[in-house]
């Protein structure tokens, strides 16, 4: 069909390097292309606690982050690299990053994390999750239990 012909024409006459994102929709489906994978993701995170992020590099030869690598927090659907609400610099090869609760957004809703290289290339995207306020009364209900445990 016409679409294929146009696509072939683009590919044949493209002076852009192969890794450039000509077809963003295809790239999103091709999760394997991502170099960084977020692990141990929860469905929801509390705004009242530090957000601990765990990730690993798919390519074992890549010994971790380069200068300027960071993990950013985004509110869906604003997920362009510069639209982060909070971010944390990542050290080479750590695999764990912690966002202090003081920088977390105060708005409940759907969020995701992205691993961004120093040149603003996104090389990993997490699954989406909810940011929630933890109701204080829940915490108070747990306190008697811990006191009992201390006495034993």
Protein backbone atom coordinates (compact mmCIF):
# COMPACT_ATOMS: atom_id res chain seq x y z
CA UNK A 1 0.00 0.00 0.00
CA UNK A 2 0.82 3.68 -0.02
CA UNK A 3 1.96 3.75 3.59
CA UNK A 4 4.62 1.11 2.97
CA UNK A 5 5.90 2.92 -0.09
CA UNK A 6 6.20 6.17 1.85
CA UNK A 7 7.98 4.36 4.65
CA UNK A 8 10.45 2.76 2.24
CA UNK A 9 11.06 6.14 0.64
CA UNK A 10 11.82 7.65 4.06
CA UNK A 11 14.20 4.88 5.01
CA UNK A 12 16.01 4.92 1.68
CA UNK A 13 16.53 8.68 1.69
CA UNK A 14 17.12 9.19 5.38
CA UNK A 15 20.45 10.73 6.25
CA UNK A 16 19.70 10.27 9.96
CA UNK A 17 21.56 7.62 11.93
CA UNK A 18 19.69 4.37 12.37
CA UNK A 19 19.04 4.83 16.09
CA UNK A 20 17.11 8.06 15.57
CA UNK A 21 13.51 7.72 16.46
CA UNK A 22 11.74 8.00 13.10
CA UNK A 23 8.70 6.08 14.28
CA UNK A 24 8.11 6.78 17.98
CA UNK A 25 5.14 4.40 18.16
CA UNK A 26 7.29 1.48 17.07
CA UNK A 27 10.00 2.39 19.55
CA UNK A 28 7.54 2.35 22.44
CA UNK A 29 6.42 -1.16 21.56
CA UNK A 30 10.00 -2.37 21.26
CA UNK A 31 10.76 -2.47 24.96
CA UNK A 32 13.88 -4.57 24.40
CA UNK A 33 15.64 -1.53 22.95
CA UNK A 34 15.67 0.09 26.38
CA UNK A 35 19.03 -0.12 28.08
CA UNK A 36 17.78 0.41 31.61
CA UNK A 37 15.04 -1.61 33.22
CA UNK A 38 13.29 -0.52 36.41
CA UNK A 39 12.87 -3.44 38.81
CA UNK A 40 10.68 -4.08 41.87
CA UNK A 41 8.17 -1.43 40.83
CA UNK A 42 5.09 -1.06 43.06
CA UNK A 43 1.59 -0.13 41.89
CA UNK A 44 1.57 2.83 44.23
CA UNK A 45 4.01 4.89 46.27
CA UNK A 46 3.47 7.14 49.25
CA UNK A 47 4.21 10.86 49.05
CA UNK A 48 5.11 10.77 52.75
CA UNK A 49 8.13 8.53 52.21
CA UNK A 50 11.30 8.65 50.18
CA UNK A 51 10.80 7.03 46.79
CA UNK A 52 13.37 4.26 46.39
CA UNK A 53 13.97 3.29 42.78
CA UNK A 54 15.74 0.11 41.71
CA UNK A 55 17.00 -0.44 38.20
CA UNK A 56 19.40 -2.57 36.24
CA UNK A 57 21.26 -2.27 32.98
CA UNK A 58 20.19 -4.75 30.34
CA UNK A 59 23.58 -4.72 28.70
CA UNK A 60 26.00 -6.25 31.17
CA UNK A 61 29.00 -4.64 29.47
CA UNK A 62 27.66 -1.22 30.36
CA UNK A 63 28.95 -0.77 33.88
CA UNK A 64 26.37 1.77 34.88
CA UNK A 65 25.71 5.43 34.48
CA UNK A 66 27.82 8.06 32.89
CA UNK A 67 28.22 11.63 34.03
CA UNK A 68 24.88 13.42 34.03
CA UNK A 69 22.68 10.34 34.16
CA UNK A 70 19.54 10.79 36.25
CA UNK A 71 16.20 9.24 37.03
CA UNK A 72 13.27 11.61 36.61
CA UNK A 73 9.73 11.47 37.95
CA UNK A 74 6.96 12.36 35.48
CA UNK A 75 3.22 12.87 35.76
CA UNK A 76 1.47 11.10 32.90
CA UNK A 77 0.99 12.23 30.14
CA UNK A 78 3.81 14.81 30.43
CA UNK A 79 6.77 12.53 29.85
CA UNK A 80 9.15 14.59 27.69
CA UNK A 81 12.65 14.51 29.20
CA UNK A 82 12.46 18.16 30.35
CA UNK A 83 9.01 17.79 31.97
CA UNK A 84 10.27 16.03 35.12
CA UNK A 85 8.76 17.02 38.48
CA UNK A 86 11.70 15.65 40.45
CA UNK A 87 14.91 13.85 39.61
CA UNK A 88 17.89 12.25 41.24
CA UNK A 89 21.43 11.93 39.89
CA UNK A 90 22.55 8.34 39.64
CA UNK A 91 26.01 7.04 40.39
CA UNK A 92 27.87 4.61 38.20
CA UNK A 93 26.60 1.11 38.67
CA UNK A 94 24.58 1.64 41.84
CA UNK A 95 21.27 0.25 40.63
CA UNK A 96 19.41 2.12 43.38
CA UNK A 97 18.37 5.76 43.53
CA UNK A 98 16.39 7.50 46.25
CA UNK A 99 14.19 10.55 45.75
CA UNK A 100 13.78 12.47 48.97
CA UNK A 101 10.15 12.84 50.02
CA UNK A 102 10.60 16.62 50.17
CA UNK A 103 10.95 16.77 46.37
CA UNK A 104 8.02 14.48 45.57
CA UNK A 105 4.90 16.04 44.02
CA UNK A 106 1.95 16.68 46.28
CA UNK A 107 -0.64 15.80 43.68
CA UNK A 108 -2.07 12.32 43.60
CA UNK A 109 -2.28 10.66 40.22
CA UNK A 110 -0.48 8.50 37.68
CA UNK A 111 3.29 8.84 37.40
CA UNK A 112 6.22 7.08 35.85
CA UNK A 113 10.02 7.12 36.07
CA UNK A 114 12.47 7.58 33.23
CA UNK A 115 16.22 6.98 33.15
CA UNK A 116 17.78 9.85 31.24
CA UNK A 117 21.34 10.09 30.01
CA UNK A 118 23.41 13.25 30.24
CA UNK A 119 22.49 14.10 26.63
CA UNK A 120 18.75 13.95 27.49
CA UNK A 121 18.21 10.60 25.80
CA UNK A 122 15.63 8.44 27.56
CA UNK A 123 17.05 4.92 27.85
CA UNK A 124 14.55 3.39 30.25
CA UNK A 125 10.92 3.93 31.27
CA UNK A 126 9.16 2.36 34.23
CA UNK A 127 5.64 1.04 34.41
CA UNK A 128 3.15 3.65 35.58
CA UNK A 129 2.20 3.89 39.24
CA UNK A 130 -0.01 5.95 41.54
CA UNK A 131 1.35 8.53 43.97
CA UNK A 132 -0.88 8.50 47.04
CA UNK A 133 -1.16 10.35 50.31
CA UNK A 134 -0.96 7.97 53.23
CA UNK A 135 -3.71 8.58 55.73
CA UNK A 136 -2.10 9.31 59.10
CA UNK A 137 -4.61 7.23 61.08
CA UNK A 138 -3.28 4.07 59.42
CA UNK A 139 0.16 4.76 60.81
CA UNK A 140 -1.26 5.30 64.31
CA UNK A 141 -3.09 1.96 64.17
CA UNK A 142 0.27 0.24 63.70
CA UNK A 143 1.98 1.94 66.64
CA UNK A 144 0.51 -0.26 69.44
CA UNK A 145 1.82 -3.35 67.66
CA UNK A 146 5.38 -2.07 67.58
CA UNK A 147 5.22 -1.12 71.25
CA UNK A 148 4.09 -4.61 72.14
CA UNK A 149 6.93 -6.11 70.10
CA UNK A 150 9.48 -3.95 71.97
CA UNK A 151 8.44 -5.37 75.35
CA UNK A 152 8.92 -9.00 74.35
